[in-house]
N, C-alpha and C. Protein backbone atom coordinates (compact mmCIF):
# COMPACT_ATOMS: atom_id res chain seq x y z
N MET A 1 -17.82 -40.91 42.53
CA MET A 1 -17.02 -40.37 43.64
C MET A 1 -16.48 -39.00 43.27
N ALA A 2 -16.24 -38.72 42.01
CA ALA A 2 -15.59 -37.45 41.65
C ALA A 2 -16.62 -36.20 41.79
N THR A 3 -16.19 -35.16 42.25
CA THR A 3 -17.04 -34.02 42.40
C THR A 3 -16.33 -32.81 41.66
N SER A 4 -17.14 -31.81 41.40
CA SER A 4 -16.57 -30.58 40.83
C SER A 4 -17.30 -29.34 41.42
N THR A 5 -16.63 -28.21 41.38
CA THR A 5 -17.22 -26.95 41.72
C THR A 5 -17.56 -26.18 40.48
N LEU A 6 -18.84 -26.10 40.12
CA LEU A 6 -19.14 -25.53 38.86
C LEU A 6 -19.48 -24.02 38.92
N ILE A 7 -19.90 -23.48 40.15
CA ILE A 7 -20.18 -22.05 40.23
C ILE A 7 -18.93 -21.40 41.07
N GLN A 8 -18.38 -20.48 40.52
CA GLN A 8 -17.29 -19.72 41.17
C GLN A 8 -17.79 -18.32 41.41
N LYS A 9 -17.87 -17.90 42.67
CA LYS A 9 -18.29 -16.53 43.00
C LYS A 9 -17.03 -15.78 43.47
N LEU A 10 -16.67 -14.74 42.83
CA LEU A 10 -15.42 -14.04 43.04
C LEU A 10 -15.54 -12.85 44.03
N ASP A 11 -16.69 -12.22 44.22
CA ASP A 11 -16.88 -11.12 45.08
C ASP A 11 -17.23 -11.60 46.43
N SER A 12 -17.12 -10.73 47.43
CA SER A 12 -17.39 -11.10 48.79
C SER A 12 -18.86 -10.73 49.27
N GLY A 13 -19.63 -10.24 48.35
CA GLY A 13 -21.05 -9.85 48.64
C GLY A 13 -21.91 -11.07 48.67
N ALA A 14 -23.19 -10.77 48.89
CA ALA A 14 -24.15 -11.93 48.99
C ALA A 14 -25.05 -11.97 47.79
N GLU A 15 -24.51 -11.60 46.67
CA GLU A 15 -25.35 -11.46 45.36
C GLU A 15 -26.11 -12.65 45.09
N PHE A 16 -25.58 -13.81 45.27
CA PHE A 16 -26.29 -15.04 44.99
C PHE A 16 -26.77 -15.84 46.19
N GLY A 17 -26.70 -15.06 47.37
CA GLY A 17 -27.16 -15.68 48.61
C GLY A 17 -26.25 -16.66 49.15
N ALA A 18 -24.98 -16.69 48.80
CA ALA A 18 -23.96 -17.63 49.30
C ALA A 18 -22.75 -16.83 49.56
N ALA A 19 -21.86 -17.43 50.43
CA ALA A 19 -20.59 -16.86 50.74
C ALA A 19 -19.69 -16.87 49.53
N THR A 20 -18.62 -16.10 49.64
CA THR A 20 -17.61 -16.19 48.47
C THR A 20 -17.11 -17.54 48.18
N SER A 21 -17.02 -17.90 46.98
CA SER A 21 -16.56 -19.23 46.56
C SER A 21 -15.14 -19.50 47.23
N ASN A 22 -15.00 -20.61 47.85
CA ASN A 22 -13.67 -20.97 48.30
C ASN A 22 -12.94 -21.95 47.38
N ARG A 23 -13.51 -22.23 46.23
CA ARG A 23 -12.82 -23.08 45.22
C ARG A 23 -12.38 -24.43 45.80
N SER A 24 -13.15 -25.00 46.64
CA SER A 24 -12.83 -26.20 47.33
C SER A 24 -13.39 -27.40 46.50
N GLN A 25 -12.67 -28.54 46.52
CA GLN A 25 -13.10 -29.75 45.88
C GLN A 25 -13.21 -30.79 46.95
N THR A 26 -14.24 -31.55 47.10
CA THR A 26 -14.45 -32.68 48.04
C THR A 26 -14.64 -33.97 47.43
N GLU A 27 -14.19 -35.02 48.04
CA GLU A 27 -14.46 -36.41 47.53
C GLU A 27 -14.88 -37.22 48.80
N ALA A 28 -15.80 -38.22 48.48
CA ALA A 28 -16.20 -39.17 49.53
C ALA A 28 -15.37 -40.37 49.51
N TYR A 29 -14.87 -40.77 50.69
CA TYR A 29 -14.14 -42.03 50.84
C TYR A 29 -14.74 -42.78 52.03
N LEU A 30 -14.29 -43.96 52.25
CA LEU A 30 -14.61 -44.66 53.50
C LEU A 30 -13.49 -44.70 54.41
N ALA A 31 -13.75 -44.72 55.72
CA ALA A 31 -12.64 -44.67 56.70
C ALA A 31 -12.12 -46.12 57.01
N GLY A 32 -10.80 -46.21 57.02
CA GLY A 32 -10.21 -47.50 57.26
C GLY A 32 -10.09 -47.70 58.74
N ALA A 33 -10.26 -46.60 59.51
CA ALA A 33 -10.17 -46.59 61.00
C ALA A 33 -10.81 -45.29 61.37
N ALA A 34 -10.82 -45.04 62.70
CA ALA A 34 -11.47 -43.77 63.14
C ALA A 34 -10.65 -42.63 62.65
N VAL A 35 -11.43 -41.55 62.27
CA VAL A 35 -10.80 -40.30 61.71
C VAL A 35 -11.63 -39.21 62.36
N ALA A 36 -10.90 -38.11 62.86
CA ALA A 36 -11.59 -36.95 63.42
C ALA A 36 -11.78 -35.95 62.37
N ALA A 37 -12.79 -35.06 62.36
CA ALA A 37 -12.98 -33.93 61.51
C ALA A 37 -11.77 -33.01 61.73
N GLY A 38 -11.09 -32.63 60.55
CA GLY A 38 -10.02 -31.79 60.58
C GLY A 38 -8.73 -32.51 60.42
N ASP A 39 -8.73 -33.81 60.49
CA ASP A 39 -7.54 -34.64 60.38
C ASP A 39 -7.03 -34.69 58.88
N TRP A 40 -5.82 -34.57 58.70
CA TRP A 40 -5.17 -34.86 57.35
C TRP A 40 -5.12 -36.36 57.15
N VAL A 41 -5.60 -36.80 56.00
CA VAL A 41 -5.70 -38.21 55.70
C VAL A 41 -5.00 -38.67 54.54
N MET A 42 -4.70 -39.90 54.53
CA MET A 42 -3.98 -40.61 53.44
C MET A 42 -4.67 -41.89 52.97
N PHE A 43 -4.34 -42.42 51.80
CA PHE A 43 -4.89 -43.73 51.43
C PHE A 43 -4.50 -44.86 52.36
N ASP A 44 -5.42 -45.78 52.59
CA ASP A 44 -5.17 -46.89 53.42
C ASP A 44 -4.50 -47.99 52.69
N SER A 45 -3.21 -48.08 52.63
CA SER A 45 -2.45 -49.23 51.84
C SER A 45 -2.62 -50.53 52.50
N GLY A 46 -3.28 -50.57 53.65
CA GLY A 46 -3.50 -51.89 54.32
C GLY A 46 -4.70 -52.61 53.63
N GLN A 47 -5.40 -51.98 52.89
CA GLN A 47 -6.59 -52.58 52.15
C GLN A 47 -5.99 -53.46 51.03
N ALA A 48 -6.89 -54.15 50.34
CA ALA A 48 -6.59 -54.92 49.15
C ALA A 48 -7.05 -54.29 47.89
N GLY A 49 -6.25 -54.50 46.76
CA GLY A 49 -6.73 -54.02 45.48
C GLY A 49 -7.06 -52.65 45.41
N ALA A 50 -8.07 -52.37 44.68
CA ALA A 50 -8.49 -50.94 44.44
C ALA A 50 -9.08 -50.29 45.75
N ASP A 51 -9.36 -51.12 46.71
CA ASP A 51 -9.83 -50.48 48.02
C ASP A 51 -8.72 -49.69 48.60
N ARG A 52 -7.56 -49.81 48.26
CA ARG A 52 -6.45 -48.96 48.80
C ARG A 52 -6.76 -47.52 48.48
N THR A 53 -7.49 -47.14 47.47
CA THR A 53 -7.82 -45.72 47.14
C THR A 53 -9.22 -45.39 47.40
N LEU A 54 -9.99 -46.31 48.00
CA LEU A 54 -11.33 -46.05 48.44
C LEU A 54 -11.33 -45.73 49.98
N PHE A 55 -10.42 -46.30 50.73
CA PHE A 55 -10.38 -46.10 52.14
C PHE A 55 -9.24 -45.10 52.49
N VAL A 56 -9.49 -44.25 53.45
CA VAL A 56 -8.54 -43.29 54.01
C VAL A 56 -8.37 -43.56 55.51
N ILE A 57 -7.15 -43.23 55.96
CA ILE A 57 -6.87 -43.30 57.38
C ILE A 57 -6.07 -41.98 57.74
N GLN A 58 -5.98 -41.69 59.08
CA GLN A 58 -5.21 -40.55 59.57
C GLN A 58 -3.84 -40.64 58.89
N ALA A 59 -3.37 -39.49 58.38
CA ALA A 59 -2.00 -39.37 57.80
C ALA A 59 -0.95 -39.83 58.89
N ALA A 60 -0.08 -40.73 58.49
CA ALA A 60 0.89 -41.26 59.41
C ALA A 60 2.02 -40.29 59.81
N ALA A 61 2.42 -40.34 61.06
CA ALA A 61 3.52 -39.52 61.48
C ALA A 61 4.88 -40.35 61.22
N GLY A 62 5.96 -39.66 61.23
CA GLY A 62 7.18 -40.38 61.20
C GLY A 62 7.75 -40.67 59.84
N VAL A 63 6.97 -40.34 58.76
CA VAL A 63 7.38 -40.57 57.46
C VAL A 63 8.51 -39.54 57.10
N ALA A 64 9.66 -39.89 56.82
CA ALA A 64 10.87 -39.04 56.68
C ALA A 64 10.61 -37.78 55.84
N THR A 65 9.92 -37.86 54.76
CA THR A 65 9.60 -36.72 53.91
C THR A 65 8.25 -36.30 53.98
N GLY A 66 7.53 -36.69 54.98
CA GLY A 66 6.12 -36.23 55.13
C GLY A 66 5.15 -37.26 54.61
N ALA A 67 4.06 -37.47 55.21
CA ALA A 67 2.99 -38.38 54.85
C ALA A 67 2.48 -38.03 53.41
N PRO A 68 2.07 -39.00 52.65
CA PRO A 68 1.44 -38.77 51.29
C PRO A 68 0.00 -38.45 51.50
N VAL A 69 -0.29 -37.24 51.80
CA VAL A 69 -1.66 -36.70 52.13
C VAL A 69 -2.55 -36.61 51.04
N VAL A 70 -3.84 -37.06 51.27
CA VAL A 70 -4.93 -36.93 50.21
C VAL A 70 -5.70 -35.67 50.43
N GLY A 71 -5.93 -35.31 51.59
CA GLY A 71 -6.64 -34.11 52.08
C GLY A 71 -7.01 -34.05 53.54
N VAL A 72 -8.06 -33.14 53.78
CA VAL A 72 -8.49 -33.01 55.16
C VAL A 72 -9.91 -33.56 55.35
N ALA A 73 -10.14 -34.39 56.41
CA ALA A 73 -11.46 -34.93 56.68
C ALA A 73 -12.44 -33.82 57.10
N LEU A 74 -13.54 -33.55 56.54
CA LEU A 74 -14.49 -32.65 56.85
C LEU A 74 -15.51 -33.16 57.85
N ASN A 75 -15.58 -34.43 58.10
CA ASN A 75 -16.53 -34.99 59.15
C ASN A 75 -15.76 -36.09 59.89
N ALA A 76 -16.17 -36.50 61.03
CA ALA A 76 -15.61 -37.54 61.81
C ALA A 76 -16.18 -38.91 61.35
N ALA A 77 -15.39 -39.97 61.51
CA ALA A 77 -15.79 -41.30 61.34
C ALA A 77 -15.35 -42.02 62.54
N THR A 78 -16.27 -42.61 63.37
CA THR A 78 -15.89 -43.18 64.58
C THR A 78 -15.42 -44.74 64.41
N ALA A 79 -15.72 -45.27 63.26
CA ALA A 79 -15.33 -46.68 62.99
C ALA A 79 -15.01 -46.88 61.48
N ALA A 80 -14.29 -47.95 61.24
CA ALA A 80 -13.99 -48.30 59.91
C ALA A 80 -15.29 -48.48 59.06
N GLY A 81 -15.17 -48.16 57.83
CA GLY A 81 -16.27 -48.38 56.88
C GLY A 81 -17.29 -47.24 56.77
N GLN A 82 -17.17 -46.20 57.79
CA GLN A 82 -18.05 -45.04 57.71
C GLN A 82 -17.55 -44.07 56.56
N ARG A 83 -18.53 -43.31 56.05
CA ARG A 83 -18.22 -42.32 54.99
C ARG A 83 -17.47 -41.13 55.56
N VAL A 84 -16.48 -40.69 54.83
CA VAL A 84 -15.73 -39.57 55.23
C VAL A 84 -15.60 -38.60 54.00
N ASN A 85 -16.11 -37.39 54.08
CA ASN A 85 -15.94 -36.40 53.05
C ASN A 85 -14.65 -35.65 53.29
N VAL A 86 -13.85 -35.69 52.19
CA VAL A 86 -12.44 -35.14 52.30
C VAL A 86 -12.35 -33.96 51.41
N CYS A 87 -11.76 -32.83 51.86
CA CYS A 87 -11.38 -31.77 51.01
C CYS A 87 -10.05 -32.20 50.39
N VAL A 88 -10.02 -32.39 49.08
CA VAL A 88 -8.84 -32.78 48.31
C VAL A 88 -8.13 -31.56 47.80
N ALA A 89 -8.83 -30.42 47.71
CA ALA A 89 -8.22 -29.30 47.18
C ALA A 89 -9.06 -28.03 47.69
N GLY A 90 -8.37 -26.97 48.18
CA GLY A 90 -9.13 -25.80 48.52
C GLY A 90 -9.03 -25.50 49.98
N TYR A 91 -9.99 -24.58 50.40
CA TYR A 91 -10.04 -24.02 51.80
C TYR A 91 -10.62 -24.93 52.73
N VAL A 92 -10.04 -25.08 53.94
CA VAL A 92 -10.57 -25.76 55.12
C VAL A 92 -10.52 -24.87 56.21
N ASP A 93 -11.67 -24.52 56.89
CA ASP A 93 -11.71 -23.57 58.00
C ASP A 93 -11.05 -24.10 59.31
N ALA A 94 -11.17 -25.43 59.58
CA ALA A 94 -10.69 -25.95 60.82
C ALA A 94 -9.84 -27.23 60.52
N ALA A 95 -8.66 -27.04 60.04
CA ALA A 95 -7.75 -28.28 59.81
C ALA A 95 -6.95 -28.42 61.00
N ALA A 96 -6.48 -29.64 61.20
CA ALA A 96 -5.55 -29.98 62.34
C ALA A 96 -4.18 -29.44 61.97
N ILE A 97 -3.75 -28.46 62.65
CA ILE A 97 -2.45 -27.79 62.47
C ILE A 97 -1.88 -27.45 63.79
N THR A 98 -0.53 -27.76 64.01
CA THR A 98 0.17 -27.53 65.25
C THR A 98 -0.02 -26.10 65.66
N SER A 99 -0.37 -25.99 66.99
CA SER A 99 -0.53 -24.56 67.58
C SER A 99 0.62 -23.72 67.29
N GLY A 100 0.44 -22.43 66.90
CA GLY A 100 1.46 -21.52 66.77
C GLY A 100 1.95 -21.43 65.29
N VAL A 101 1.65 -22.28 64.49
CA VAL A 101 2.02 -22.17 63.03
C VAL A 101 1.21 -21.01 62.50
N VAL A 102 2.01 -20.12 61.78
CA VAL A 102 1.42 -18.85 61.34
C VAL A 102 1.00 -18.93 59.90
N ALA A 103 0.27 -17.92 59.47
CA ALA A 103 -0.25 -17.83 58.10
C ALA A 103 0.91 -17.82 57.04
N ASP A 104 0.73 -18.43 55.94
CA ASP A 104 1.70 -18.47 54.95
C ASP A 104 2.79 -19.48 55.04
N THR A 105 2.61 -20.44 56.07
CA THR A 105 3.55 -21.36 56.41
C THR A 105 3.28 -22.64 55.53
N PRO A 106 4.15 -23.23 54.73
CA PRO A 106 3.89 -24.53 54.11
C PRO A 106 3.62 -25.55 55.22
N LEU A 107 2.71 -26.48 54.86
CA LEU A 107 2.36 -27.52 55.75
C LEU A 107 2.78 -28.94 55.30
N CYS A 108 3.10 -29.83 56.22
CA CYS A 108 3.34 -31.21 56.06
C CYS A 108 2.92 -32.07 57.27
N VAL A 109 2.77 -33.28 57.08
CA VAL A 109 2.41 -34.16 58.27
C VAL A 109 3.66 -34.92 58.47
N ASP A 110 4.34 -34.75 59.63
CA ASP A 110 5.57 -35.49 59.90
C ASP A 110 5.82 -35.84 61.32
N THR A 111 5.19 -35.10 62.26
CA THR A 111 5.47 -35.32 63.72
C THR A 111 4.29 -35.95 64.45
N THR A 112 3.08 -35.58 64.10
CA THR A 112 1.98 -36.08 64.76
C THR A 112 0.97 -36.61 63.77
N ALA A 113 0.43 -37.89 63.96
CA ALA A 113 -0.58 -38.43 62.98
C ALA A 113 -1.73 -37.56 62.82
N GLY A 114 -2.10 -37.30 61.63
CA GLY A 114 -3.31 -36.51 61.29
C GLY A 114 -3.20 -35.08 61.49
N ARG A 115 -2.07 -34.52 61.91
CA ARG A 115 -1.94 -33.11 62.23
C ARG A 115 -0.74 -32.52 61.40
N ALA A 116 -0.94 -31.40 60.69
CA ALA A 116 0.02 -30.77 59.88
C ALA A 116 0.82 -29.85 60.83
N ASP A 117 2.12 -29.69 60.26
CA ASP A 117 3.04 -28.81 60.97
C ASP A 117 3.83 -28.11 59.86
N ALA A 118 4.71 -27.09 60.33
CA ALA A 118 5.48 -26.42 59.39
C ALA A 118 6.52 -27.33 58.67
N GLY A 119 6.42 -27.31 57.31
CA GLY A 119 7.36 -28.10 56.49
C GLY A 119 8.60 -27.48 56.19
N ALA A 120 9.58 -27.66 57.10
CA ALA A 120 10.90 -26.94 56.94
C ALA A 120 12.00 -27.84 56.36
N ALA A 121 11.95 -29.10 56.42
CA ALA A 121 13.04 -29.99 55.98
C ALA A 121 13.11 -30.06 54.50
N ALA A 122 14.28 -30.30 53.92
CA ALA A 122 14.49 -30.46 52.53
C ALA A 122 13.75 -31.68 52.03
N ASN A 123 13.18 -31.61 50.87
CA ASN A 123 12.49 -32.76 50.23
C ASN A 123 11.22 -33.21 50.97
N ILE A 124 10.66 -32.28 51.76
CA ILE A 124 9.41 -32.63 52.47
C ILE A 124 8.29 -32.64 51.49
N ILE A 125 7.22 -33.46 51.74
CA ILE A 125 6.06 -33.40 50.95
C ILE A 125 5.17 -32.33 51.43
N ILE A 126 4.95 -31.24 50.77
CA ILE A 126 4.12 -30.23 51.24
C ILE A 126 2.60 -30.51 50.90
N CYS A 127 1.74 -30.41 51.82
CA CYS A 127 0.32 -30.87 51.55
C CYS A 127 -0.64 -29.64 51.49
N GLY A 128 -0.09 -28.46 51.90
CA GLY A 128 -0.99 -27.30 51.98
C GLY A 128 -0.28 -26.08 52.52
N VAL A 129 -1.01 -25.06 52.84
CA VAL A 129 -0.44 -23.87 53.39
C VAL A 129 -1.38 -23.31 54.49
N ALA A 130 -0.77 -22.86 55.62
CA ALA A 130 -1.62 -22.30 56.70
C ALA A 130 -2.09 -20.93 56.30
N LEU A 131 -3.32 -20.63 56.51
CA LEU A 131 -3.94 -19.29 56.18
C LEU A 131 -4.16 -18.38 57.28
N GLY A 132 -3.78 -18.84 58.47
CA GLY A 132 -4.01 -18.05 59.67
C GLY A 132 -3.11 -18.67 60.84
N THR A 133 -3.08 -18.12 61.95
CA THR A 133 -2.30 -18.71 63.09
C THR A 133 -3.12 -19.82 63.75
N ALA A 134 -2.55 -20.99 63.89
CA ALA A 134 -3.32 -22.12 64.51
C ALA A 134 -3.29 -21.93 65.99
N ALA A 135 -4.45 -22.22 66.59
CA ALA A 135 -4.61 -22.22 68.10
C ALA A 135 -5.29 -23.49 68.49
N ALA A 136 -4.97 -24.09 69.56
CA ALA A 136 -5.48 -25.37 70.11
C ALA A 136 -5.35 -26.49 68.92
N ASN A 137 -4.31 -26.37 68.31
CA ASN A 137 -3.95 -27.38 67.12
C ASN A 137 -5.07 -27.41 66.03
N VAL A 138 -5.62 -26.19 65.85
CA VAL A 138 -6.66 -26.10 64.70
C VAL A 138 -6.47 -24.76 64.01
N GLY A 139 -6.56 -24.80 62.78
CA GLY A 139 -6.38 -23.39 61.98
C GLY A 139 -6.91 -23.48 60.59
N PRO A 140 -7.05 -22.41 59.88
CA PRO A 140 -7.49 -22.42 58.53
C PRO A 140 -6.36 -22.84 57.59
N ALA A 141 -6.66 -23.56 56.57
CA ALA A 141 -5.67 -23.97 55.67
C ALA A 141 -6.17 -24.10 54.21
N TYR A 142 -5.23 -24.06 53.25
CA TYR A 142 -5.57 -24.38 51.92
C TYR A 142 -4.88 -25.73 51.62
N VAL A 143 -5.66 -26.68 51.11
CA VAL A 143 -5.14 -28.01 50.74
C VAL A 143 -4.70 -28.03 49.33
N TYR A 144 -3.48 -28.42 49.05
CA TYR A 144 -2.91 -28.52 47.74
C TYR A 144 -3.46 -29.77 47.02
N LYS A 145 -4.07 -29.66 45.78
CA LYS A 145 -4.56 -30.80 45.08
C LYS A 145 -3.54 -31.82 44.79
N ARG A 146 -3.80 -32.99 45.02
CA ARG A 146 -2.88 -34.10 44.79
C ARG A 146 -3.59 -35.30 44.10
N VAL A 147 -4.86 -35.46 44.18
CA VAL A 147 -5.59 -36.54 43.59
C VAL A 147 -6.57 -36.12 42.55
């Protein structure tokens, strides 16, 4: 399940035929319920035993200090048990972020399940940072590594 990024490209040219390295790390999980691409996800504590860290669900809203986010889903899962690739660290081009949140704003999930917002409260769990202004509840983000 663990992955690593072995090649880091630092310039913005096409010297190696690829875009500039975004230094992202992805992990494969199973969906505990439907998940949309771009959703911030958390471990599914409703599972039994070690499956609690194999399954992910949409990050819950209403957690006083912010949901314990694992990362951002890179693909959709329409039902439980489907594979979900999750960016656990690094750049995500289209993360679920509340419209109007601007670049350099710390992010947390606290008001809408699966979507990040500005983390302004004390003791909030920051899960990443916005890298541009979000529109239509989508924007670029950097996910802070937690797992």
